[in-house]
PDB file of N, CA and C in Angstrom:
ATOM      1  N   MET A   1      22.611   9.350 -26.653  1.00  0.00           N
ATOM      2  CA  MET A   1      23.104   8.513 -25.577  1.00  0.00           C
ATOM      3  C   MET A   1      22.162   8.575 -24.365  1.00  0.00           C
ATOM      4  N   THR A   2      21.581   9.751 -24.152  1.00  0.00           N
ATOM      5  CA  THR A   2      20.649   9.884 -23.033  1.00  0.00           C
ATOM      6  C   THR A   2      19.419   9.015 -23.228  1.00  0.00           C
ATOM      7  N   LEU A   3      18.938   8.948 -24.463  1.00  0.00           N
ATOM      8  CA  LEU A   3      17.773   8.111 -24.748  1.00  0.00           C
ATOM      9  C   LEU A   3      18.053   6.657 -24.428  1.00  0.00           C
ATOM     10  N   LEU A   4      19.243   6.200 -24.748  1.00  0.00           N
ATOM     11  CA  LEU A   4      19.623   4.820 -24.438  1.00  0.00           C
ATOM     12  C   LEU A   4      19.546   4.569 -22.939  1.00  0.00           C
ATOM     13  N   TRP A   5      20.094   5.479 -22.143  1.00  0.00           N
ATOM     14  CA  TRP A   5      20.074   5.297 -20.691  1.00  0.00           C
ATOM     15  C   TRP A   5      18.661   5.396 -20.125  1.00  0.00           C
ATOM     16  N   LEU A   6      17.837   6.257 -20.699  1.00  0.00           N
ATOM     17  CA  LEU A   6      16.440   6.319 -20.256  1.00  0.00           C
ATOM     18  C   LEU A   6      15.704   5.014 -20.543  1.00  0.00           C
ATOM     19  N   CYS A   7      15.972   4.436 -21.705  1.00  0.00           N
ATOM     20  CA  CYS A   7      15.340   3.156 -22.050  1.00  0.00           C
ATOM     21  C   CYS A   7      15.826   2.021 -21.147  1.00  0.00           C
ATOM     22  N   VAL A   8      17.111   2.017 -20.848  1.00  0.00           N
ATOM     23  CA  VAL A   8      17.658   0.996 -19.938  1.00  0.00           C
ATOM     24  C   VAL A   8      17.051   1.159 -18.546  1.00  0.00           C
ATOM     25  N   LEU A   9      16.960   2.398 -18.073  1.00  0.00           N
ATOM     26  CA  LEU A   9      16.360   2.661 -16.758  1.00  0.00           C
ATOM     27  C   LEU A   9      14.899   2.234 -16.736  1.00  0.00           C
ATOM     28  N   TRP A  10      14.160   2.534 -17.811  1.00  0.00           N
ATOM     29  CA  TRP A  10      12.760   2.133 -17.885  1.00  0.00           C
ATOM     30  C   TRP A  10      12.634   0.609 -17.840  1.00  0.00           C
ATOM     31  N   THR A  11      13.526  -0.087 -18.539  1.00  0.00           N
ATOM     32  CA  THR A  11      13.487  -1.554 -18.575  1.00  0.00           C
ATOM     33  C   THR A  11      13.743  -2.147 -17.195  1.00  0.00           C
ATOM     34  N   PHE A  12      14.765  -1.640 -16.502  1.00  0.00           N
ATOM     35  CA  PHE A  12      15.046  -2.144 -15.160  1.00  0.00           C
ATOM     36  C   PHE A  12      13.932  -1.788 -14.181  1.00  0.00           C
ATOM     37  N   ALA A  13      13.354  -0.607 -14.328  1.00  0.00           N
ATOM     38  CA  ALA A  13      12.233  -0.227 -13.459  1.00  0.00           C
ATOM     39  C   ALA A  13      11.036  -1.145 -13.707  1.00  0.00           C
ATOM     40  N   SER A  14      10.778  -1.483 -14.960  1.00  0.00           N
ATOM     41  CA  SER A  14       9.673  -2.401 -15.270  1.00  0.00           C
ATOM     42  C   SER A  14       9.905  -3.784 -14.674  1.00  0.00           C
ATOM     43  N   ALA A  15      11.141  -4.256 -14.757  1.00  0.00           N
ATOM     44  CA  ALA A  15      11.453  -5.566 -14.167  1.00  0.00           C
ATOM     45  C   ALA A  15      11.315  -5.512 -12.647  1.00  0.00           C
ATOM     46  N   GLY A  16      11.712  -4.397 -12.054  1.00  0.00           N
ATOM     47  CA  GLY A  16      11.572  -4.251 -10.596  1.00  0.00           C
ATOM     48  C   GLY A  16      10.122  -4.189 -10.167  1.00  0.00           C
ATOM     49  N   VAL A  17       9.299  -3.482 -10.910  1.00  0.00           N
ATOM     50  CA  VAL A  17       7.870  -3.395 -10.581  1.00  0.00           C
ATOM     51  C   VAL A  17       7.217  -4.758 -10.750  1.00  0.00           C
ATOM     52  N   ALA A  18       7.640  -5.531 -11.731  1.00  0.00           N
ATOM     53  CA  ALA A  18       7.057  -6.857 -11.949  1.00  0.00           C
ATOM     54  C   ALA A  18       7.318  -7.795 -10.781  1.00  0.00           C
ATOM     55  N   MET A  19       8.359  -7.537 -10.009  1.00  0.00           N
ATOM     56  CA  MET A  19       8.664  -8.395  -8.854  1.00  0.00           C
ATOM     57  C   MET A  19       7.858  -8.017  -7.617  1.00  0.00           C
ATOM     58  N   LEU A  20       7.168  -6.891  -7.650  1.00  0.00           N
ATOM     59  CA  LEU A  20       6.352  -6.481  -6.506  1.00  0.00           C
ATOM     60  C   LEU A  20       5.081  -7.318  -6.435  1.00  0.00           C
ATOM     61  N   PRO A  21       4.478  -7.407  -5.248  1.00  0.00           N
ATOM     62  CA  PRO A  21       3.156  -8.052  -5.167  1.00  0.00           C
ATOM     63  C   PRO A  21       2.147  -7.285  -6.035  1.00  0.00           C
ATOM     64  N   MET A  22       1.138  -7.982  -6.495  1.00  0.00           N
ATOM     65  CA  MET A  22       0.205  -7.420  -7.477  1.00  0.00           C
ATOM     66  C   MET A  22      -0.418  -6.102  -7.020  1.00  0.00           C
ATOM     67  N   ARG A  23      -0.833  -6.008  -5.784  1.00  0.00           N
ATOM     68  CA  ARG A  23      -1.501  -4.794  -5.300  1.00  0.00           C
ATOM     69  C   ARG A  23      -0.561  -3.599  -5.228  1.00  0.00           C
ATOM     70  N   GLN A  24       0.738  -3.821  -5.154  1.00  0.00           N
ATOM     71  CA  GLN A  24       1.696  -2.726  -5.087  1.00  0.00           C
ATOM     72  C   GLN A  24       2.227  -2.336  -6.464  1.00  0.00           C
ATOM     73  N   GLN A  25       1.772  -2.994  -7.503  1.00  0.00           N
ATOM     74  CA  GLN A  25       2.243  -2.709  -8.855  1.00  0.00           C
ATOM     75  C   GLN A  25       1.463  -1.595  -9.545  1.00  0.00           C
ATOM     76  N   TYR A  26       0.305  -1.223  -9.035  1.00  0.00           N
ATOM     77  CA  TYR A  26      -0.576  -0.331  -9.776  1.00  0.00           C
ATOM     78  C   TYR A  26       0.010   1.059 -10.007  1.00  0.00           C
ATOM     79  N   LEU A  27       0.449   1.737  -8.982  1.00  0.00           N
ATOM     80  CA  LEU A  27       0.934   3.109  -9.137  1.00  0.00           C
ATOM     81  C   LEU A  27       2.230   3.183  -9.952  1.00  0.00           C
ATOM     82  N   PRO A  28       3.275   2.410  -9.598  1.00  0.00           N
ATOM     83  CA  PRO A  28       4.473   2.489 -10.443  1.00  0.00           C
ATOM     84  C   PRO A  28       4.238   1.932 -11.847  1.00  0.00           C
ATOM     85  N   GLY A  29       3.368   0.947 -11.965  1.00  0.00           N
ATOM     86  CA  GLY A  29       3.053   0.395 -13.283  1.00  0.00           C
ATOM     87  C   GLY A  29       2.322   1.404 -14.159  1.00  0.00           C
ATOM     88  N   ALA A  30       1.435   2.183 -13.560  1.00  0.00           N
ATOM     89  CA  ALA A  30       0.729   3.220 -14.314  1.00  0.00           C
ATOM     90  C   ALA A  30       1.701   4.303 -14.784  1.00  0.00           C
ATOM     91  N   PHE A  31       2.649   4.651 -13.945  1.00  0.00           N
ATOM     92  CA  PHE A  31       3.664   5.624 -14.337  1.00  0.00           C
ATOM     93  C   PHE A  31       4.501   5.096 -15.505  1.00  0.00           C
ATOM     94  N   LEU A  32       4.928   3.850 -15.429  1.00  0.00           N
ATOM     95  CA  LEU A  32       5.704   3.250 -16.518  1.00  0.00           C
ATOM     96  C   LEU A  32       4.872   3.113 -17.791  1.00  0.00           C
ATOM     97  N   LEU A  33       3.598   2.799 -17.620  1.00  0.00           N
ATOM     98  CA  LEU A  33       2.692   2.684 -18.761  1.00  0.00           C
ATOM     99  C   LEU A  33       2.543   4.033 -19.464  1.00  0.00           C
ATOM    100  N   ALA A  34       2.537   5.120 -18.704  1.00  0.00           N
ATOM    101  CA  ALA A  34       2.408   6.456 -19.284  1.00  0.00           C
ATOM    102  C   ALA A  34       3.718   6.936 -19.920  1.00  0.00           C
ATOM    103  N   CYS A  35       4.846   6.521 -19.374  1.00  0.00           N
ATOM    104  CA  CYS A  35       6.151   6.962 -19.893  1.00  0.00           C
ATOM    105  C   CYS A  35       6.563   6.234 -21.168  1.00  0.00           C
ATOM    106  N   ALA A  36       6.096   5.033 -21.350  1.00  0.00           N
ATOM    107  CA  ALA A  36       6.535   4.221 -22.491  1.00  0.00           C
ATOM    108  C   ALA A  36       6.231   4.846 -23.847  1.00  0.00           C
ATOM    109  N   PRO A  37       5.023   5.368 -24.089  1.00  0.00           N
ATOM    110  CA  PRO A  37       4.786   5.968 -25.413  1.00  0.00           C
ATOM    111  C   PRO A  37       5.709   7.157 -25.705  1.00  0.00           C
ATOM    112  N   VAL A  38       6.056   7.907 -24.674  1.00  0.00           N
ATOM    113  CA  VAL A  38       6.980   9.028 -24.867  1.00  0.00           C
ATOM    114  C   VAL A  38       8.342   8.507 -25.311  1.00  0.00           C
ATOM    115  N   LEU A  39       8.827   7.469 -24.652  1.00  0.00           N
ATOM    116  CA  LEU A  39      10.106   6.885 -25.044  1.00  0.00           C
ATOM    117  C   LEU A  39      10.054   6.296 -26.452  1.00  0.00           C
ATOM    118  N   ILE A  40       8.949   5.670 -26.799  1.00  0.00           N
ATOM    119  CA  ILE A  40       8.823   5.071 -28.136  1.00  0.00           C
ATOM    120  C   ILE A  40       8.826   6.153 -29.211  1.00  0.00           C
ATOM    121  N   VAL A  41       8.172   7.269 -28.955  1.00  0.00           N
ATOM    122  CA  VAL A  41       8.188   8.381 -29.915  1.00  0.00           C
ATOM    123  C   VAL A  41       9.596   8.951 -30.038  1.00  0.00           C
ATOM    124  N   LEU A  42      10.299   9.086 -28.924  1.00  0.00           N
ATOM    125  CA  LEU A  42      11.679   9.572 -28.972  1.00  0.00           C
ATOM    126  C   LEU A  42      12.581   8.611 -29.754  1.00  0.00           C
ATOM    127  N   ILE A  43      12.347   7.317 -29.573  1.00  0.00           N
ATOM    128  CA  ILE A  43      13.104   6.321 -30.340  1.00  0.00           C
ATOM    129  C   ILE A  43      12.830   6.503 -31.829  1.00  0.00           C
ATOM    130  N   ALA A  44      11.563   6.734 -32.179  1.00  0.00           N
ATOM    131  CA  ALA A  44      11.215   6.923 -33.591  1.00  0.00           C
ATOM    132  C   ALA A  44      11.928   8.139 -34.179  1.00  0.00           C
ATOM    133  N   PHE A  45      12.007   9.222 -33.429  1.00  0.00           N
ATOM    134  CA  PHE A  45      12.659  10.427 -33.936  1.00  0.00           C
ATOM    135  C   PHE A  45      14.166  10.275 -34.041  1.00  0.00           C
ATOM    136  N   GLN A  46      14.779   9.624 -33.055  1.00  0.00           N
ATOM    137  CA  GLN A  46      16.238   9.582 -33.020  1.00  0.00           C
ATOM    138  C   GLN A  46      16.841   8.383 -33.745  1.00  0.00           C
ATOM    139  N   VAL A  47      16.153   7.246 -33.741  1.00  0.00           N
ATOM    140  CA  VAL A  47      16.742   6.030 -34.301  1.00  0.00           C
ATOM    141  C   VAL A  47      16.046   5.608 -35.589  1.00  0.00           C
ATOM    142  N   GLY A  48      14.725   5.705 -35.612  1.00  0.00           N
ATOM    143  CA  GLY A  48      13.985   5.321 -36.815  1.00  0.00           C
ATOM    144  C   GLY A  48      12.703   4.589 -36.457  1.00  0.00           C
ATOM    145  N   TRP A  49      11.820   4.514 -37.428  1.00  0.00           N
ATOM    146  CA  TRP A  49      10.511   3.926 -37.160  1.00  0.00           C
ATOM    147  C   TRP A  49      10.576   2.430 -36.934  1.00  0.00           C
ATOM    148  N   PHE A  50      11.518   1.733 -37.560  1.00  0.00           N
ATOM    149  CA  PHE A  50      11.601   0.277 -37.374  1.00  0.00           C
ATOM    150  C   PHE A  50      11.956  -0.070 -35.932  1.00  0.00           C
ATOM    151  N   MET A  51      12.911   0.638 -35.359  1.00  0.00           N
ATOM    152  CA  MET A  51      13.273   0.390 -33.957  1.00  0.00           C
ATOM    153  C   MET A  51      12.124   0.794 -33.026  1.00  0.00           C
ATOM    154  N   ALA A  52      11.386   1.831 -33.407  1.00  0.00           N
ATOM    155  CA  ALA A  52      10.219   2.222 -32.619  1.00  0.00           C
ATOM    156  C   ALA A  52       9.146   1.135 -32.653  1.00  0.00           C
ATOM    157  N   LEU A  53       8.979   0.494 -33.811  1.00  0.00           N
ATOM    158  CA  LEU A  53       8.026  -0.619 -33.896  1.00  0.00           C
ATOM    159  C   LEU A  53       8.471  -1.800 -33.033  1.00  0.00           C
ATOM    160  N   LEU A  54       9.771  -2.062 -33.010  1.00  0.00           N
ATOM    161  CA  LEU A  54      10.273  -3.125 -32.124  1.00  0.00           C
ATOM    162  C   LEU A  54      10.031  -2.754 -30.655  1.00  0.00           C
ATOM    163  N   GLY A  55      10.253  -1.509 -30.316  1.00  0.00           N
ATOM    164  CA  GLY A  55       9.980  -1.047 -28.953  1.00  0.00           C
ATOM    165  C   GLY A  55       8.505  -1.131 -28.612  1.00  0.00           C
ATOM    166  N   LEU A  56       7.651  -0.800 -29.571  1.00  0.00           N
ATOM    167  CA  LEU A  56       6.210  -0.903 -29.353  1.00  0.00           C
ATOM    168  C   LEU A  56       5.792  -2.357 -29.148  1.00  0.00           C
ATOM    169  N   ALA A  57       6.375  -3.259 -29.916  1.00  0.00           N
ATOM    170  CA  ALA A  57       6.065  -4.689 -29.753  1.00  0.00           C
ATOM    171  C   ALA A  57       6.496  -5.177 -28.370  1.00  0.00           C
ATOM    172  N   ALA A  58       7.659  -4.750 -27.913  1.00  0.00           N
ATOM    173  CA  ALA A  58       8.128  -5.136 -26.578  1.00  0.00           C
ATOM    174  C   ALA A  58       7.218  -4.542 -25.503  1.00  0.00           C
ATOM    175  N   PHE A  59       6.802  -3.302 -25.690  1.00  0.00           N
ATOM    176  CA  PHE A  59       5.915  -2.637 -24.728  1.00  0.00           C
ATOM    177  C   PHE A  59       4.573  -3.358 -24.631  1.00  0.00           C
ATOM    178  N   VAL A  60       3.984  -3.674 -25.772  1.00  0.00           N
ATOM    179  CA  VAL A  60       2.691  -4.369 -25.771  1.00  0.00           C
ATOM    180  C   VAL A  60       2.828  -5.759 -25.160  1.00  0.00           C
ATOM    181  N   SER A  61       3.950  -6.419 -25.406  1.00  0.00           N
ATOM    182  CA  SER A  61       4.175  -7.739 -24.832  1.00  0.00           C
ATOM    183  C   SER A  61       4.296  -7.675 -23.309  1.00  0.00           C
ATOM    184  N   MET A  62       5.013  -6.673 -22.814  1.00  0.00           N
ATOM    185  CA  MET A  62       5.211  -6.565 -21.369  1.00  0.00           C
ATOM    186  C   MET A  62       3.945  -6.115 -20.637  1.00  0.00           C
ATOM    187  N   PHE A  63       3.162  -5.244 -21.261  1.00  0.00           N
ATOM    188  CA  PHE A  63       1.994  -4.663 -20.604  1.00  0.00           C
ATOM    189  C   PHE A  63       0.693  -5.167 -21.216  1.00  0.00           C
ATOM    190  N   ARG A  64       0.667  -6.413 -21.677  1.00  0.00           N
ATOM    191  CA  ARG A  64      -0.526  -6.907 -22.346  1.00  0.00           C
ATOM    192  C   ARG A  64      -1.733  -6.977 -21.412  1.00  0.00           C
ATOM    193  N   ASN A  65      -1.562  -7.393 -20.166  1.00  0.00           N
ATOM    194  CA  ASN A  65      -2.714  -7.476 -19.265  1.00  0.00           C
ATOM    195  C   ASN A  65      -3.275  -6.104 -18.900  1.00  0.00           C
ATOM    196  N   PRO A  66      -2.452  -5.125 -18.520  1.00  0.00           N
ATOM    197  CA  PRO A  66      -3.030  -3.794 -18.269  1.00  0.00           C
ATOM    198  C   PRO A  66      -3.659  -3.179 -19.521  1.00  0.00           C
ATOM    199  N   LEU A  67      -3.068  -3.418 -20.684  1.00  0.00           N
ATOM    200  CA  LEU A  67      -3.651  -2.874 -21.910  1.00  0.00           C
ATOM    201  C   LEU A  67      -4.986  -3.547 -22.241  1.00  0.00           C
ATOM    202  N   MET A  68      -5.095  -4.860 -22.008  1.00  0.00           N
ATOM    203  CA  MET A  68      -6.374  -5.546 -22.221  1.00  0.00           C
ATOM    204  C   MET A  68      -7.425  -5.036 -21.236  1.00  0.00           C
ATOM    205  N   TYR A  69      -7.013  -4.768 -19.994  1.00  0.00           N
ATOM    206  CA  TYR A  69      -7.930  -4.221 -18.993  1.00  0.00           C
ATOM    207  C   TYR A  69      -8.425  -2.834 -19.429  1.00  0.00           C
ATOM    208  N   LEU A  70      -7.501  -1.971 -19.863  1.00  0.00           N
ATOM    209  CA  LEU A  70      -7.898  -0.634 -20.301  1.00  0.00           C
ATOM    210  C   LEU A  70      -8.791  -0.693 -21.540  1.00  0.00           C
ATOM    211  N   TYR A  71      -8.531  -1.632 -22.436  1.00  0.00           N
ATOM    212  CA  TYR A  71      -9.367  -1.799 -23.621  1.00  0.00           C
ATOM    213  C   TYR A  71     -10.777  -2.251 -23.225  1.00  0.00           C
ATOM    214  N   ALA A  72     -10.874  -3.170 -22.277  1.00  0.00           N
ATOM    215  CA  ALA A  72     -12.184  -3.628 -21.813  1.00  0.00           C
ATOM    216  C   ALA A  72     -12.946  -2.486 -21.132  1.00  0.00           C
ATOM    217  N   ARG A  73     -12.239  -1.676 -20.348  1.00  0.00           N
ATOM    218  CA  ARG A  73     -12.889  -0.524 -19.713  1.00  0.00           C
ATOM    219  C   ARG A  73     -13.351   0.485 -20.763  1.00  0.00           C
ATOM    220  N   PHE A  74     -12.562   0.653 -21.816  1.00  0.00           N
ATOM    221  CA  PHE A  74     -12.917   1.574 -22.892  1.00  0.00           C
ATOM    222  C   PHE A  74     -14.193   1.118 -23.595  1.00  0.00           C
ATOM    223  N   LYS A  75     -14.375  -0.212 -23.727  1.00  0.00           N
ATOM    224  CA  LYS A  75     -15.570  -0.762 -24.363  1.00  0.00           C
ATOM    225  C   LYS A  75     -16.781  -0.703 -23.447  1.00  0.00           C
ATOM    226  N   GLY A  76     -16.594  -0.353 -22.168  1.00  0.00           N
ATOM    227  CA  GLY A  76     -17.707  -0.249 -21.240  1.00  0.00           C
ATOM    228  C   GLY A  76     -17.881  -1.454 -20.342  1.00  0.00           C
ATOM    229  N   GLU A  77     -17.007  -2.423 -20.421  1.00  0.00           N
ATOM    230  CA  GLU A  77     -17.088  -3.603 -19.567  1.00  0.00           C
ATOM    231  C   GLU A  77     -16.466  -3.291 -18.212  1.00  0.00           C
ATOM    232  N   ARG A  78     -16.735  -4.128 -17.245  1.00  0.00           N
ATOM    233  CA  ARG A  78     -16.152  -4.003 -15.909  1.00  0.00           C
ATOM    234  C   ARG A  78     -15.357  -5.271 -15.598  1.00  0.00           C
ATOM    235  N   PRO A  79     -14.119  -5.379 -16.113  1.00  0.00           N
ATOM    236  CA  PRO A  79     -13.344  -6.603 -15.865  1.00  0.00           C
ATOM    237  C   PRO A  79     -12.929  -6.688 -14.399  1.00  0.00           C
ATOM    238  N   GLU A  80     -12.751  -7.923 -13.955  1.00  0.00           N
ATOM    239  CA  GLU A  80     -12.387  -8.178 -12.566  1.00  0.00           C
ATOM    240  C   GLU A  80     -10.869  -8.000 -12.385  1.00  0.00           C
ATOM    241  N   LEU A  81     -10.498  -7.348 -11.295  1.00  0.00           N
ATOM    242  CA  LEU A  81      -9.076  -7.172 -10.975  1.00  0.00           C
ATOM    243  C   LEU A  81      -8.553  -8.414 -10.269  1.00  0.00           C
ATOM    244  N   PRO A  82      -7.288  -8.789 -10.506  1.00  0.00           N
ATOM    245  CA  PRO A  82      -6.728  -9.937  -9.786  1.00  0.00           C
ATOM    246  C   PRO A  82      -6.528  -9.605  -8.316  1.00  0.00           C
ATOM    247  N   GLN A  83      -6.500 -10.631  -7.501  1.00  0.00           N
ATOM    248  CA  GLN A  83      -6.363 -10.432  -6.052  1.00  0.00           C
ATOM    249  C   GLN A  83      -4.957 -10.225  -5.631  1.00  0.00           C
TER     250      GLN A  83
END
């Protein structure tokens, strides 16, 4: 039951961060980006791998731009940040 409430809290926090201006999204967004894999692993252990895959798909969908930015940085490129 605690995992459910943590996931709900994470979802509402993500929606709240998305409403912030772009420059104010970086720090809370980075925290949410770091917490998501932990929650997805917990979902896999407690509920099953299929639900974890659904959670991973939702996570990648919500954070596609930061993940693309991190992937470009990993490849050695210097992508431009939005204003």
